[in-house]
Protein backbone atom coordinates (compact mmCIF):
# COMPACT_ATOMS: atom_id res chain seq x y z
CA UNK A 1 0.09 0.09 0.19
CA UNK A 2 1.24 3.39 -0.71
CA UNK A 3 1.87 6.37 1.50
CA UNK A 4 -1.30 8.16 -0.03
CA UNK A 5 -3.69 5.29 0.86
CA UNK A 6 -1.79 4.69 4.09
CA UNK A 7 -2.67 8.08 5.21
CA UNK A 8 -6.26 8.46 3.87
CA UNK A 9 -6.94 5.08 5.45
CA UNK A 10 -5.58 6.25 8.97
CA UNK A 11 -7.23 9.83 8.80
CA UNK A 12 -10.46 9.80 6.50
CA UNK A 13 -12.56 7.65 9.17
CA UNK A 14 -11.75 10.43 11.66
CA UNK A 15 -13.54 12.82 9.54
CA UNK A 16 -16.64 10.05 9.04
CA UNK A 17 -15.71 9.22 5.72
CA UNK A 18 -15.32 5.68 4.60
CA UNK A 19 -12.99 5.01 1.46
CA UNK A 20 -12.93 1.72 -0.40
CA UNK A 21 -10.18 0.01 -2.01
CA UNK A 22 -11.45 1.23 -5.25
CA UNK A 23 -11.52 4.69 -4.05
CA UNK A 24 -8.22 4.61 -2.80
CA UNK A 25 -6.86 3.20 -5.98
CA UNK A 26 -8.83 6.22 -7.82
CA UNK A 27 -6.83 8.82 -5.64
CA UNK A 28 -3.70 7.08 -6.39
CA UNK A 29 -4.40 7.51 -10.28
CA UNK A 30 -5.55 10.91 -9.43
CA UNK A 31 -2.27 11.78 -7.79
CA UNK A 32 -0.09 10.16 -10.63
CA UNK A 33 -2.12 12.11 -13.11
CA UNK A 34 -1.48 15.47 -11.22
CA UNK A 35 2.14 14.93 -11.03
CA UNK A 36 2.41 13.80 -14.64
CA UNK A 37 0.68 16.94 -15.92
CA UNK A 38 2.35 19.12 -13.15
CA UNK A 39 5.73 18.57 -15.32
CA UNK A 40 4.38 20.59 -18.09
CA UNK A 41 2.13 23.10 -16.52
CA UNK A 42 1.62 24.85 -13.28
CA UNK A 43 -1.02 22.70 -11.58
CA UNK A 44 0.05 22.51 -7.99
CA UNK A 45 3.25 23.14 -6.06
CA UNK A 46 2.34 20.29 -3.47
CA UNK A 47 4.29 17.21 -5.02
CA UNK A 48 5.09 14.91 -1.97
CA UNK A 49 2.74 12.05 -1.62
CA UNK A 50 2.15 12.70 2.11
CA UNK A 51 1.09 16.55 1.26
CA UNK A 52 -0.97 15.42 -1.79
CA UNK A 53 -2.98 13.16 0.55
CA UNK A 54 -3.24 15.76 3.41
CA UNK A 55 -3.36 19.10 1.70
CA UNK A 56 -5.42 18.16 -1.29
CA UNK A 57 -7.35 14.89 -0.74
CA UNK A 58 -8.37 14.94 2.99
CA UNK A 59 -8.96 18.82 2.70
CA UNK A 60 -11.22 18.26 -0.33
CA UNK A 61 -12.97 15.38 1.56
CA UNK A 62 -14.28 17.38 4.50
CA UNK A 63 -16.97 19.02 2.67
CA UNK A 64 -18.84 15.63 2.76
CA UNK A 65 -18.53 15.52 6.38
CA UNK A 66 -19.64 19.02 6.93
CA UNK A 67 -22.65 19.49 4.67
CA UNK A 68 -25.44 17.15 4.04
CA UNK A 69 -25.49 16.39 0.42
CA UNK A 70 -28.26 14.35 -0.84
CA UNK A 71 -27.85 11.37 -3.14
CA UNK A 72 -27.58 12.46 -6.71
CA UNK A 73 -27.28 16.23 -5.80
CA UNK A 74 -25.77 18.64 -8.52
CA UNK A 75 -22.55 20.37 -7.47
CA UNK A 76 -20.38 22.88 -9.37
CA UNK A 77 -16.80 23.49 -8.66
CA UNK A 78 -15.78 27.03 -9.25
CA UNK A 79 -12.47 27.77 -10.38
CA UNK A 80 -11.70 24.12 -10.17
CA UNK A 81 -8.04 24.24 -11.49
CA UNK A 82 -6.66 20.97 -10.85
CA UNK A 83 -9.99 19.41 -9.61
CA UNK A 84 -10.34 20.41 -5.87
CA UNK A 85 -12.48 19.78 -3.96
CA UNK A 86 -15.10 18.54 -6.72
CA UNK A 87 -13.33 15.53 -8.25
CA UNK A 88 -12.21 14.31 -4.80
CA UNK A 89 -15.74 14.56 -3.68
CA UNK A 90 -17.07 12.63 -6.47
CA UNK A 91 -14.59 9.87 -6.05
CA UNK A 92 -16.01 9.28 -2.33
CA UNK A 93 -19.63 10.13 -3.60
CA UNK A 94 -19.96 8.90 -7.00
CA UNK A 95 -23.66 9.72 -6.99
CA UNK A 96 -23.00 13.37 -7.15
CA UNK A 97 -23.57 15.05 -10.60
CA UNK A 98 -20.40 17.09 -10.95
CA UNK A 99 -19.66 20.15 -13.11
CA UNK A 100 -16.19 21.47 -13.07
CA UNK A 101 -15.59 25.18 -14.16
CA UNK A 102 -12.28 26.91 -14.81
CA UNK A 103 -11.41 29.83 -17.33
CA UNK A 104 -8.03 28.25 -18.32
CA UNK A 105 -7.94 26.07 -21.34
CA UNK A 106 -4.77 23.98 -20.17
CA UNK A 107 -6.66 23.48 -16.80
CA UNK A 108 -9.93 22.37 -18.50
CA UNK A 109 -7.73 19.98 -20.58
CA UNK A 110 -6.30 18.53 -17.59
CA UNK A 111 -9.84 17.98 -16.00
CA UNK A 112 -11.09 16.29 -19.16
CA UNK A 113 -8.12 13.91 -19.13
CA UNK A 114 -8.44 13.39 -15.40
CA UNK A 115 -12.19 12.69 -15.75
CA UNK A 116 -11.44 10.24 -18.34
CA UNK A 117 -8.93 8.30 -16.58
CA UNK A 118 -11.13 7.97 -13.41
CA UNK A 119 -14.20 7.19 -15.52
CA UNK A 120 -16.17 10.12 -14.19
CA UNK A 121 -18.88 11.53 -16.39
CA UNK A 122 -18.06 15.20 -15.39
CA UNK A 123 -19.29 18.33 -17.32
CA UNK A 124 -16.38 20.67 -17.86
CA UNK A 125 -16.87 24.39 -18.51
CA UNK A 126 -14.21 26.78 -19.76
CA UNK A 127 -15.38 30.21 -18.62
CA UNK A 128 -15.10 32.94 -16.31
CA UNK A 129 -17.33 32.39 -13.12
CA UNK A 130 -18.78 35.91 -13.52
CA UNK A 131 -19.77 35.03 -17.22
CA UNK A 132 -21.06 31.62 -16.58
CA UNK A 133 -23.11 33.00 -13.64
CA UNK A 134 -25.20 35.12 -15.70
CA UNK A 135 -25.96 32.47 -18.32
CA UNK A 136 -29.33 30.77 -18.20
CA UNK A 137 -27.82 27.61 -18.79
CA UNK A 138 -25.90 27.60 -15.29
CA UNK A 139 -27.75 30.37 -13.31
CA UNK A 140 -29.39 28.83 -10.44
CA UNK A 141 -29.31 25.40 -11.87
CA UNK A 142 -27.31 23.65 -9.18
CA UNK A 143 -28.13 22.23 -5.85
CA UNK A 144 -24.46 23.00 -4.75
CA UNK A 145 -21.60 25.43 -5.55
CA UNK A 146 -18.21 24.84 -3.89
CA UNK A 147 -14.87 26.74 -4.19
CA UNK A 148 -11.57 26.13 -2.70
CA UNK A 149 -10.09 29.72 -3.39
CA UNK A 150 -7.99 32.53 -2.19
CA UNK A 151 -10.44 35.29 -2.79
CA UNK A 152 -12.32 36.85 0.02
CA UNK A 153 -15.67 35.44 1.20
CA UNK A 154 -17.63 38.47 -0.08
CA UNK A 155 -16.16 38.09 -3.68
CA UNK A 156 -16.67 34.35 -3.52
CA UNK A 157 -20.38 34.74 -2.70
CA UNK A 158 -20.61 36.88 -5.59
CA UNK A 159 -19.26 34.44 -8.04
CA UNK A 160 -20.65 31.29 -6.61
CA UNK A 161 -24.13 32.20 -5.21
CA UNK A 162 -25.60 32.94 -8.61
CA UNK A 163 -25.19 29.36 -9.74
CA UNK A 164 -27.13 27.89 -6.70
CA UNK A 165 -30.92 27.01 -6.74
CA UNK A 166 -32.96 28.65 -4.16
CA UNK A 167 -32.75 26.14 -1.13
CA UNK A 168 -29.35 25.12 -2.24
CA UNK A 169 -26.05 26.09 -0.76
CA UNK A 170 -22.53 27.40 -1.39
CA UNK A 171 -19.59 25.51 0.27
CA UNK A 172 -16.42 27.59 0.72
CA UNK A 173 -13.16 25.89 2.02
CA UNK A 174 -11.37 28.60 3.66
CA UNK A 175 -8.51 28.82 6.24
CA UNK A 176 -8.22 29.96 10.01
CA UNK A 177 -9.79 33.60 9.35
CA UNK A 178 -13.06 32.10 8.43
CA UNK A 179 -14.94 33.84 11.25
CA UNK A 180 -13.65 37.40 10.36
CA UNK A 181 -14.40 36.77 6.69
CA UNK A 182 -18.01 35.82 7.53
CA UNK A 183 -18.67 38.81 9.78
CA UNK A 184 -17.25 40.90 6.68
CA UNK A 185 -19.77 39.32 4.45
CA UNK A 186 -23.00 40.35 5.79
CA UNK A 187 -23.70 43.09 3.36
CA UNK A 188 -23.09 40.53 0.61
CA UNK A 189 -25.30 37.83 1.97
CA UNK A 190 -28.14 40.46 2.31
CA UNK A 191 -27.69 41.48 -1.46
CA UNK A 192 -27.15 37.65 -2.58
CA UNK A 193 -30.05 36.10 -0.63
CA UNK A 194 -27.46 34.31 1.42
CA UNK A 195 -28.65 32.91 4.83
CA UNK A 196 -26.39 33.36 7.92
CA UNK A 197 -22.96 31.44 7.22
CA UNK A 198 -22.53 28.16 9.13
CA UNK A 199 -18.82 27.48 9.92
CA UNK A 200 -17.35 24.20 10.61
CA UNK A 201 -13.78 24.05 12.08
CA UNK A 202 -11.41 21.10 11.53
CA UNK A 203 -7.76 20.33 11.58
CA UNK A 204 -5.68 18.78 8.80
CA UNK A 205 -2.77 16.42 10.33
CA UNK A 206 0.27 18.25 10.74
CA UNK A 207 -1.06 21.31 8.76
CA UNK A 208 -3.17 23.51 11.19
CA UNK A 209 -6.89 24.72 11.32
CA UNK A 210 -9.22 24.89 8.23
CA UNK A 211 -12.92 25.86 8.01
CA UNK A 212 -16.08 24.77 5.93
CA UNK A 213 -18.44 27.92 5.55
CA UNK A 214 -21.84 26.75 4.20
CA UNK A 215 -24.27 29.48 2.99
CA UNK A 216 -27.87 28.52 2.25
CA UNK A 217 -29.64 30.56 -0.63
CA UNK A 218 -32.73 31.71 0.63
CA UNK A 219 -34.15 33.08 -2.90
CA UNK A 220 -33.41 34.28 -6.29
CA UNK A 221 -30.83 37.13 -6.58
CA UNK A 222 -31.13 40.30 -8.52
CA UNK A 223 -30.16 40.14 -12.18
CA UNK A 224 -27.37 42.47 -11.88
CA UNK A 225 -25.35 40.17 -9.90
CA UNK A 226 -22.48 38.77 -10.59
CA UNK A 227 -20.94 42.18 -11.61
CA UNK A 228 -17.87 42.03 -13.87
CA UNK A 229 -14.73 40.69 -12.26
CA UNK A 230 -12.83 43.85 -11.87
CA UNK A 231 -15.84 45.50 -10.03
CA UNK A 232 -16.01 42.25 -7.74
CA UNK A 233 -12.40 42.87 -6.93
CA UNK A 234 -12.05 46.56 -6.67
CA UNK A 235 -15.45 47.06 -4.61
CA UNK A 236 -16.62 43.93 -2.87
CA UNK A 237 -20.31 43.79 -1.71
């Protein structure tokens, strides 16, 4: 058994997540594909097996423990990059109907290759989040949106909540400053029909504190959101 499988077998049950042998094999294949592609493009700076297992895979699995995601739910991973957290979540929950969105051609090519190798029937969209969020094909069409991104929570809410159906939820994977970010998001949530955030804190082995922020969407949002990216960044809600 490889180091990645050993770490996941040891720690995933502590998050309440059971991984079968087949799932561990898929995660091994994921890691191999990630490293192969990272030799020719900038997908991840994390290349050691133990760090991939903890900082990428375990971190991406925690939303499954933190949020109640019904069987067959639709989920869009915004700014998916190398597929975190969406592809990992689908490995552990194959019933999830997953859409991966990224604006960069090379990344969507990687996501297509990865999905094929893992035999996942993922939809892959190459578009900017603010443009796709105004497109009727994607606006308010998903039960969940997820993002593991460095943008502030007010910015992420404007990018991600437009994709979520009323009654659905946005799941943000954040670092240790989540409570302050949530406090600074009150105006954004009011304008974007987001309910009070639920924050669930956890610790990654040897890597400190992380948070999952779950924001339920109450109703439809005004048509003017999301605004262009420059405005979102310059004047967050």
